[in-house]
Amino acid sequence: MEVTVDITELTADPHPALARLRATAPVAWVPALGCWLVTSRDAALRVLRDARTFTVDDPRFSTAQVVGPSMLSLDGPAHSAARRPFAGPFRPAQVARRFTQPVTGLATDLVAGIRPAGRAELRASFAGPLAVRVVADTLGMPGIDTRTVLGWYSTFVAAVSDVTAGCPVPAEATAAFESLAEHVLAGVDGNGSLLAEAVAGGLGREEAVSNAAVLLFGGIETTEGMILNLLRHLLREPDQLAAVRNDLDLLPNAVEESLRLEPAAAVVDRYATRDVVVAGAAIRRGDPVTVSLAGANRDPATFPDPDAFDVRRSNARQHLAFAHGPHVCLAMDLARLETLIGVRTLLVELPGLALDEQHPSAPSGLVFRKPQTLHARWEP
């Protein structure tokens, strides 16, 4: 079934359109996107679990054109080989042991720096710096200048957007990749980073650079979005905020509920390797298939009252915000830890934390969704 969807609506507030599609055509061809759009949870799970039929290993996959083949853009044995060296370092226990103390210290220092002013824009002053510093530590570059890391990140984001639009890889992206490679390879031996552990576990040095670029992109974009989206959800819902303040043990489930309601990565792309029918849609070999994680996460068949933010939702963790199947997000537990510690530190250390009504904000973005700014105030 072919449907007409307004790209502007999908970028600003996609949820009404996704709900309409989910109810009438859970797998629909959307000409404006040039792909099949999957919006129901059941259909999303079918696509995400079946890497043989719905692959990422396709020349059109934009990220691979920019940073080369990585665990993000490979399938089958090659994907398993690329991902295997990271399995140990990114286990939840390892992440907690390695990062709890430094992330807590960094969050505390960032809050101390903004507390006296009584107000701040929290993306630039908190969420962004926290995500960047943790990524730098993960890649074994704890002393690198934050602006250098953000420069690489911004260049890769722009390049992926250009390639997606049909343009060649810009020269700036090639230069940024070479700079990243130089820094990664200079310190990857024995520096104790998660990337160094992966190399010790069998990851090739060239593959280490491509995967470092993927970790750089995901570690900043996803974590920053998770922190900002959760803060906005809590600060817009006084009852939910009061419940979390009275019982901080609710905060981990609040992280999951925020991920469900507004995943930082709204969609993931696949390509059909054979003719297949999904939810009544006849998908042809070679067709691009985009899974709307945002749509699947508000499927009322799984989540009653799906548009409500409920920190006590019993099945919030059934969301697909980190995708599913072979390509489930490798660093999801690190992103969860950063978000949990970061938001808890803000709530505890900034009395009366509230949104600044003079600077309203809302999440936006077709692929990655978060407030572009989040202004807040508190009692200094």
Protein backbone atom coordinates (compact mmCIF):
# COMPACT_ATOMS: atom_id res chain seq x y z
CA MET A 1 0.00 0.00 0.00
CA GLU A 2 1.27 3.45 -0.94
CA VAL A 3 0.56 6.34 1.41
CA THR A 4 1.20 10.07 1.43
CA VAL A 5 3.00 11.39 4.49
CA ASP A 6 4.22 14.92 5.06
CA ILE A 7 7.97 14.97 5.74
CA THR A 8 7.54 18.17 7.72
CA GLU A 9 5.12 16.41 10.04
CA LEU A 10 7.45 13.43 10.47
CA THR A 11 10.28 15.81 11.39
CA ALA A 12 8.35 18.01 13.80
CA ASP A 13 5.92 15.59 15.46
CA PRO A 14 5.70 12.19 13.76
CA HIS A 15 3.52 10.42 16.30
CA PRO A 16 0.02 11.26 14.94
CA ALA A 17 1.06 10.20 11.42
CA LEU A 18 2.74 7.05 12.72
CA ALA A 19 -0.39 6.15 14.68
CA ARG A 20 -2.53 6.53 11.52
CA LEU A 21 -0.19 4.33 9.53
CA ARG A 22 0.05 1.72 12.27
CA ALA A 23 -3.73 1.42 12.39
CA THR A 24 -4.30 1.25 8.62
CA ALA A 25 -1.05 0.13 6.94
CA PRO A 26 1.62 -1.02 9.43
CA VAL A 27 3.99 -1.58 6.49
CA ALA A 28 3.45 1.08 3.84
CA TRP A 29 5.36 2.47 0.86
CA VAL A 30 6.03 6.17 1.52
CA PRO A 31 7.13 7.92 -1.70
CA ALA A 32 8.41 10.96 0.15
CA LEU A 33 10.88 8.72 2.01
CA GLY A 34 11.50 6.34 -0.89
CA CYS A 35 11.07 3.28 1.31
CA TRP A 36 8.71 0.90 3.04
CA LEU A 37 7.95 2.33 6.48
CA VAL A 38 7.30 -0.15 9.29
CA THR A 39 5.26 1.25 12.20
CA SER A 40 3.88 -1.71 14.20
CA ARG A 41 5.89 -3.49 16.86
CA ASP A 42 5.24 -7.00 15.52
CA ALA A 43 6.33 -6.08 12.00
CA ALA A 44 9.35 -4.20 13.37
CA LEU A 45 10.48 -7.24 15.33
CA ARG A 46 10.12 -9.46 12.27
CA VAL A 47 12.34 -7.15 10.21
CA LEU A 48 14.94 -6.54 12.91
CA ARG A 49 15.32 -10.22 13.81
CA ASP A 50 15.77 -11.44 10.24
CA ALA A 51 19.13 -10.14 9.03
CA ARG A 52 19.18 -12.60 6.13
CA THR A 53 16.06 -11.07 4.60
CA PHE A 54 16.53 -7.49 5.82
CA THR A 55 20.21 -6.56 5.67
CA VAL A 56 22.33 -3.50 6.39
CA ASP A 57 25.07 -4.77 4.07
CA ASP A 58 24.14 -2.75 1.01
CA PRO A 59 26.10 -0.18 -1.03
CA ARG A 60 23.40 2.40 -0.32
CA PHE A 61 24.04 2.30 3.44
CA SER A 62 25.26 5.85 3.98
CA THR A 63 27.33 5.43 7.13
CA ALA A 64 29.52 2.76 5.54
CA GLN A 65 30.27 5.10 2.63
CA VAL A 66 31.58 7.69 5.08
CA VAL A 67 33.53 5.60 7.62
CA GLY A 68 33.98 2.24 5.91
CA PRO A 69 32.61 -1.19 6.88
CA SER A 70 31.89 -1.67 10.58
CA MET A 71 29.65 -3.73 12.81
CA LEU A 72 26.91 -1.23 11.94
CA SER A 73 26.99 -2.04 8.22
CA LEU A 74 27.91 -5.75 8.06
CA ASP A 75 25.82 -8.88 8.39
CA GLY A 76 26.42 -12.59 8.78
CA PRO A 77 29.88 -13.91 9.77
CA ALA A 78 31.54 -10.56 9.02
CA HIS A 79 29.20 -8.81 11.43
CA SER A 80 29.74 -11.41 14.13
CA ALA A 81 33.51 -11.10 13.73
CA ALA A 82 33.36 -7.29 13.98
CA ARG A 83 31.08 -7.33 17.02
CA ARG A 84 32.63 -10.21 18.96
CA PRO A 85 35.67 -8.32 20.34
CA PHE A 86 33.30 -5.77 21.94
CA ALA A 87 31.12 -8.36 23.66
CA GLY A 88 33.16 -8.48 26.86
CA PRO A 89 34.01 -4.78 27.30
CA PHE A 90 30.40 -3.69 26.77
CA ARG A 91 28.78 -6.18 29.13
CA PRO A 92 26.66 -4.41 31.78
CA ALA A 93 28.90 -5.44 34.68
CA GLN A 94 32.03 -4.26 32.87
CA VAL A 95 30.42 -0.96 31.92
CA ALA A 96 29.25 -0.34 35.49
CA ARG A 97 32.66 -1.20 36.94
CA ARG A 98 34.58 0.99 34.52
CA PHE A 99 32.30 4.01 34.14
CA THR A 100 30.16 4.53 37.25
CA GLN A 101 32.77 6.47 39.18
CA PRO A 102 34.17 8.63 36.33
CA VAL A 103 30.71 9.47 34.93
CA THR A 104 29.52 10.42 38.42
CA GLY A 105 32.54 12.64 38.92
CA LEU A 106 32.15 14.29 35.53
CA ALA A 107 28.41 14.91 36.03
CA THR A 108 29.08 16.39 39.46
CA ASP A 109 31.76 18.72 38.09
CA LEU A 110 29.55 19.89 35.22
CA VAL A 111 26.66 20.65 37.57
CA ALA A 112 28.96 22.50 39.96
CA GLY A 113 30.02 24.71 37.09
CA ILE A 114 26.49 25.81 36.20
CA ARG A 115 24.81 25.78 39.63
CA PRO A 116 25.66 29.38 40.72
CA ALA A 117 23.98 30.94 37.67
CA GLY A 118 20.56 29.51 38.49
CA ARG A 119 19.83 28.81 34.82
CA ALA A 120 21.49 27.24 31.79
CA GLU A 121 20.93 25.66 28.41
CA LEU A 122 21.50 22.02 29.34
CA ARG A 123 22.45 20.60 25.96
CA ALA A 124 25.54 22.78 25.59
CA SER A 125 26.43 22.96 29.27
CA PHE A 126 25.71 19.40 30.42
CA ALA A 127 24.37 16.66 28.11
CA GLY A 128 26.79 17.35 25.27
CA PRO A 129 29.98 17.64 27.33
CA LEU A 130 29.10 14.55 29.36
CA ALA A 131 28.55 12.46 26.22
CA VAL A 132 31.71 13.74 24.52
CA ARG A 133 33.99 13.07 27.47
CA VAL A 134 32.71 9.52 27.93
CA VAL A 135 33.17 8.81 24.22
CA ALA A 136 36.73 10.15 24.39
CA ASP A 137 37.46 7.81 27.31
CA THR A 138 35.88 4.88 25.45
CA LEU A 139 38.15 5.51 22.47
CA GLY A 140 41.24 5.86 24.64
CA MET A 141 41.65 9.62 24.23
CA PRO A 142 40.75 11.06 27.65
CA GLY A 143 42.90 14.15 27.21
CA ILE A 144 41.76 15.16 23.74
CA ASP A 145 40.21 18.57 23.22
CA THR A 146 36.41 18.46 23.27
CA ARG A 147 36.22 20.70 20.21
CA THR A 148 38.24 18.17 18.20
CA VAL A 149 35.83 15.36 19.07
CA LEU A 150 32.80 17.53 18.27
CA GLY A 151 34.44 18.54 14.99
CA TRP A 152 34.76 14.90 13.92
CA TYR A 153 31.23 14.20 15.04
CA SER A 154 29.67 17.17 13.22
CA THR A 155 31.58 16.36 10.04
CA PHE A 156 30.43 12.73 10.04
CA VAL A 157 26.81 13.73 10.72
CA ALA A 158 26.86 16.18 7.81
CA ALA A 159 28.54 13.66 5.52
CA VAL A 160 25.98 10.94 6.25
CA SER A 161 23.21 13.43 5.48
CA ASP A 162 24.91 14.40 2.19
CA VAL A 163 25.38 10.78 1.11
CA THR A 164 21.77 9.96 2.03
CA ALA A 165 20.71 12.81 -0.26
CA GLY A 166 22.73 11.30 -3.13
CA CYS A 167 25.87 13.44 -2.88
CA PRO A 168 29.43 12.05 -2.80
CA VAL A 169 31.38 11.78 0.44
CA PRO A 170 32.72 15.31 1.08
CA ALA A 171 36.44 15.88 1.38
CA GLU A 172 35.97 17.22 4.90
CA ALA A 173 34.71 13.83 6.03
CA THR A 174 37.71 12.05 4.55
CA ALA A 175 40.04 14.43 6.38
CA ALA A 176 38.13 13.99 9.64
CA PHE A 177 38.31 10.21 9.31
CA GLU A 178 42.07 10.38 8.74
CA SER A 179 42.47 12.58 11.82
CA LEU A 180 40.38 10.21 13.91
CA ALA A 181 42.43 7.26 12.65
CA GLU A 182 45.68 8.95 13.62
CA HIS A 183 44.50 9.57 17.17
CA VAL A 184 42.94 6.13 17.61
CA LEU A 185 45.92 4.17 16.29
CA ALA A 186 48.43 6.28 18.24
CA GLY A 187 46.99 5.16 21.56
CA VAL A 188 45.06 1.96 21.00
CA ASP A 189 47.80 -0.34 22.30
CA GLY A 190 47.61 -0.77 26.04
CA ASN A 191 45.74 2.40 26.94
CA GLY A 192 43.07 0.50 28.86
CA SER A 193 40.13 1.82 26.84
CA LEU A 194 37.17 -0.26 25.71
CA LEU A 195 38.43 0.08 22.14
CA ALA A 196 41.88 -1.14 23.18
CA GLU A 197 40.28 -4.18 24.82
CA ALA A 198 38.43 -4.91 21.60
CA VAL A 199 41.70 -4.77 19.63
CA ALA A 200 43.28 -7.09 22.16
CA GLY A 201 40.28 -9.37 21.67
CA GLY A 202 40.93 -9.70 17.94
CA LEU A 203 39.59 -6.53 16.27
CA GLY A 204 41.87 -5.42 13.41
CA ARG A 205 43.43 -1.98 13.59
CA GLU A 206 41.69 -0.71 10.44
CA GLU A 207 38.40 -2.10 11.72
CA ALA A 208 39.10 -0.36 15.02
CA VAL A 209 39.08 3.02 13.30
CA SER A 210 35.78 2.40 11.46
CA ASN A 211 34.15 1.15 14.62
CA ALA A 212 35.60 4.09 16.56
CA ALA A 213 33.77 6.41 14.16
CA VAL A 214 30.53 4.49 14.75
CA LEU A 215 31.02 4.66 18.54
CA LEU A 216 31.80 8.36 18.27
CA PHE A 217 28.60 9.05 16.37
CA GLY A 218 26.32 6.82 18.44
CA GLY A 219 27.89 7.70 21.76
CA ILE A 220 27.32 11.43 21.35
CA GLU A 221 24.06 11.57 19.41
CA THR A 222 22.15 8.85 21.27
CA THR A 223 23.31 9.67 24.79
CA GLU A 224 22.81 13.40 24.43
CA GLY A 225 19.31 12.76 23.09
CA MET A 226 18.46 10.33 25.89
CA ILE A 227 19.44 12.83 28.58
CA LEU A 228 17.58 15.75 27.00
CA ASN A 229 14.42 13.76 26.21
CA LEU A 230 14.20 12.32 29.73
CA LEU A 231 14.71 15.73 31.34
CA ARG A 232 12.02 17.25 29.17
CA HIS A 233 9.57 14.44 29.91
CA LEU A 234 10.11 14.72 33.66
CA LEU A 235 10.07 18.50 33.85
CA ARG A 236 6.85 18.70 31.79
CA GLU A 237 5.02 16.21 34.03
CA PRO A 238 4.89 17.50 37.66
CA ASP A 239 3.30 14.32 39.03
CA GLN A 240 5.89 12.08 37.38
CA LEU A 241 8.73 14.37 38.49
CA ALA A 242 7.42 14.35 42.07
CA ALA A 243 7.23 10.55 42.04
CA VAL A 244 10.87 10.27 40.92
CA ARG A 245 12.09 12.90 43.39
CA ASN A 246 10.35 11.03 46.23
CA ASP A 247 11.76 7.69 45.10
CA LEU A 248 14.91 7.80 43.00
CA ASP A 249 14.63 4.04 42.55
CA LEU A 250 12.00 4.89 39.92
CA LEU A 251 14.58 6.66 37.78
CA PRO A 252 15.89 3.58 35.91
CA ASN A 253 12.36 2.77 34.75
CA ALA A 254 11.85 6.43 33.87
CA VAL A 255 14.88 6.11 31.56
CA GLU A 256 13.21 3.16 29.81
CA GLU A 257 9.85 4.93 29.57
CA SER A 258 11.47 8.00 28.03
CA LEU A 259 13.25 5.78 25.52
CA ARG A 260 9.92 4.21 24.67
CA LEU A 261 8.08 7.48 24.28
CA GLU A 262 10.74 9.34 22.28
CA PRO A 263 13.68 7.18 21.17
CA ALA A 264 16.75 9.25 20.39
CA ALA A 265 17.18 7.27 17.17
CA ALA A 266 13.72 7.25 15.61
CA VAL A 267 14.38 4.94 12.64
CA VAL A 268 16.79 2.29 11.37
CA ASP A 269 17.30 1.24 7.75
CA ARG A 270 17.40 -2.18 6.12
CA TYR A 271 17.35 -3.55 2.54
CA ALA A 272 15.35 -6.57 1.40
CA THR A 273 17.44 -9.45 0.04
CA ARG A 274 14.43 -11.35 -1.38
CA ASP A 275 10.76 -10.90 -2.20
CA VAL A 276 8.79 -11.11 1.05
CA VAL A 277 5.37 -10.23 2.45
CA VAL A 278 5.24 -8.45 5.82
CA ALA A 279 1.93 -7.38 7.37
CA GLY A 280 0.28 -7.73 3.96
CA ALA A 281 2.87 -5.59 2.15
CA ALA A 282 4.62 -7.18 -0.84
CA ILE A 283 8.24 -6.07 -0.48
CA ARG A 284 10.51 -6.74 -3.46
CA ARG A 285 14.14 -7.73 -3.40
CA GLY A 286 16.32 -4.62 -3.16
CA ASP A 287 13.61 -2.43 -1.67
CA PRO A 288 14.71 -0.14 1.19
CA VAL A 289 12.83 -0.81 4.42
CA THR A 290 12.84 1.70 7.27
CA VAL A 291 11.73 0.56 10.71
CA SER A 292 10.14 3.33 12.76
CA LEU A 293 11.30 2.62 16.29
CA ALA A 294 9.20 5.59 17.37
CA GLY A 295 6.13 4.00 15.81
CA ALA A 296 6.76 0.54 17.25
CA ASN A 297 7.31 2.00 20.71
CA ARG A 298 3.81 3.50 20.80
CA ASP A 299 2.00 0.41 19.54
CA PRO A 300 -1.12 0.15 21.73
CA ALA A 301 -1.16 -3.62 21.27
CA THR A 302 1.85 -3.71 23.63
CA PHE A 303 1.70 -0.38 25.48
CA PRO A 304 -1.71 0.74 26.81
CA ASP A 305 -2.24 4.51 26.69
CA PRO A 306 0.90 4.70 24.54
CA ASP A 307 1.18 8.50 24.36
CA ALA A 308 1.36 8.90 28.15
CA PHE A 309 4.64 9.21 30.07
CA ASP A 310 4.38 6.83 33.03
CA VAL A 311 7.52 6.22 35.11
CA ARG A 312 5.80 3.19 36.68
CA ARG A 313 4.89 1.51 33.36
CA SER A 314 5.48 -2.17 34.03
CA ASN A 315 6.62 -3.14 30.53
CA ALA A 316 8.52 0.02 29.53
CA ARG A 317 11.66 -2.02 28.90
CA GLN A 318 9.94 -3.82 26.02
CA HIS A 319 10.65 -0.77 23.85
CA LEU A 320 12.77 -1.10 20.71
CA ALA A 321 14.72 2.13 21.14
CA PHE A 322 18.02 0.24 20.85
CA ALA A 323 16.68 -1.82 17.91
CA HIS A 324 16.62 -5.61 18.27
CA GLY A 325 18.17 -8.76 16.90
CA PRO A 326 21.77 -9.02 15.66
CA HIS A 327 22.16 -5.24 15.44
CA VAL A 328 20.82 -4.32 18.86
CA CYS A 329 22.84 -1.34 20.09
CA LEU A 330 26.17 -2.53 21.44
CA ALA A 331 26.68 0.37 23.86
CA MET A 332 23.11 0.58 25.18
CA ASP A 333 24.12 -0.12 28.78
CA LEU A 334 26.73 2.63 28.71
CA ALA A 335 24.13 5.07 27.33
CA ARG A 336 21.69 3.99 30.05
CA LEU A 337 24.33 4.50 32.75
CA GLU A 338 25.24 7.98 31.51
CA THR A 339 21.59 9.01 31.33
CA LEU A 340 20.77 7.62 34.76
CA ILE A 341 23.74 9.23 36.50
CA GLY A 342 23.44 12.50 34.58
CA VAL A 343 19.75 13.09 35.24
CA ARG A 344 19.97 11.92 38.85
CA THR A 345 22.82 14.36 39.48
CA LEU A 346 20.80 17.24 38.03
CA LEU A 347 17.71 16.41 40.08
CA VAL A 348 19.65 16.04 43.33
CA GLU A 349 22.08 18.92 42.95
CA LEU A 350 19.79 21.58 41.45
CA PRO A 351 16.89 22.37 43.82
CA GLY A 352 13.70 23.42 42.08
CA LEU A 353 14.94 22.36 38.65
CA ALA A 354 12.31 23.38 36.08
CA LEU A 355 11.99 24.24 32.41
CA ASP A 356 12.59 27.90 31.54
CA GLU A 357 9.24 28.99 30.05
CA GLN A 358 10.93 31.87 28.24
CA HIS A 359 12.69 29.35 25.99
CA PRO A 360 10.21 26.62 24.98
CA SER A 361 11.57 23.56 23.23
CA ALA A 362 10.36 20.34 21.66
CA PRO A 363 12.08 17.31 20.15
CA SER A 364 12.59 17.43 16.40
CA GLY A 365 14.34 15.44 13.71
CA LEU A 366 13.47 12.84 11.11
CA VAL A 367 16.14 10.29 12.08
CA PHE A 368 17.47 11.51 15.43
CA ARG A 369 15.02 13.18 17.79
CA LYS A 370 15.79 15.48 20.71
CA PRO A 371 15.26 19.12 21.71
CA GLN A 372 17.85 21.23 19.93
CA THR A 373 18.08 23.29 23.12
CA LEU A 374 16.75 22.71 26.64
CA HIS A 375 16.76 25.78 28.86
CA ALA A 376 16.21 25.23 32.58
CA ARG A 377 16.27 27.21 35.83
CA TRP A 378 16.70 26.31 39.50
CA GLU A 379 17.39 27.81 42.90
CA PRO A 380 21.09 28.84 42.92
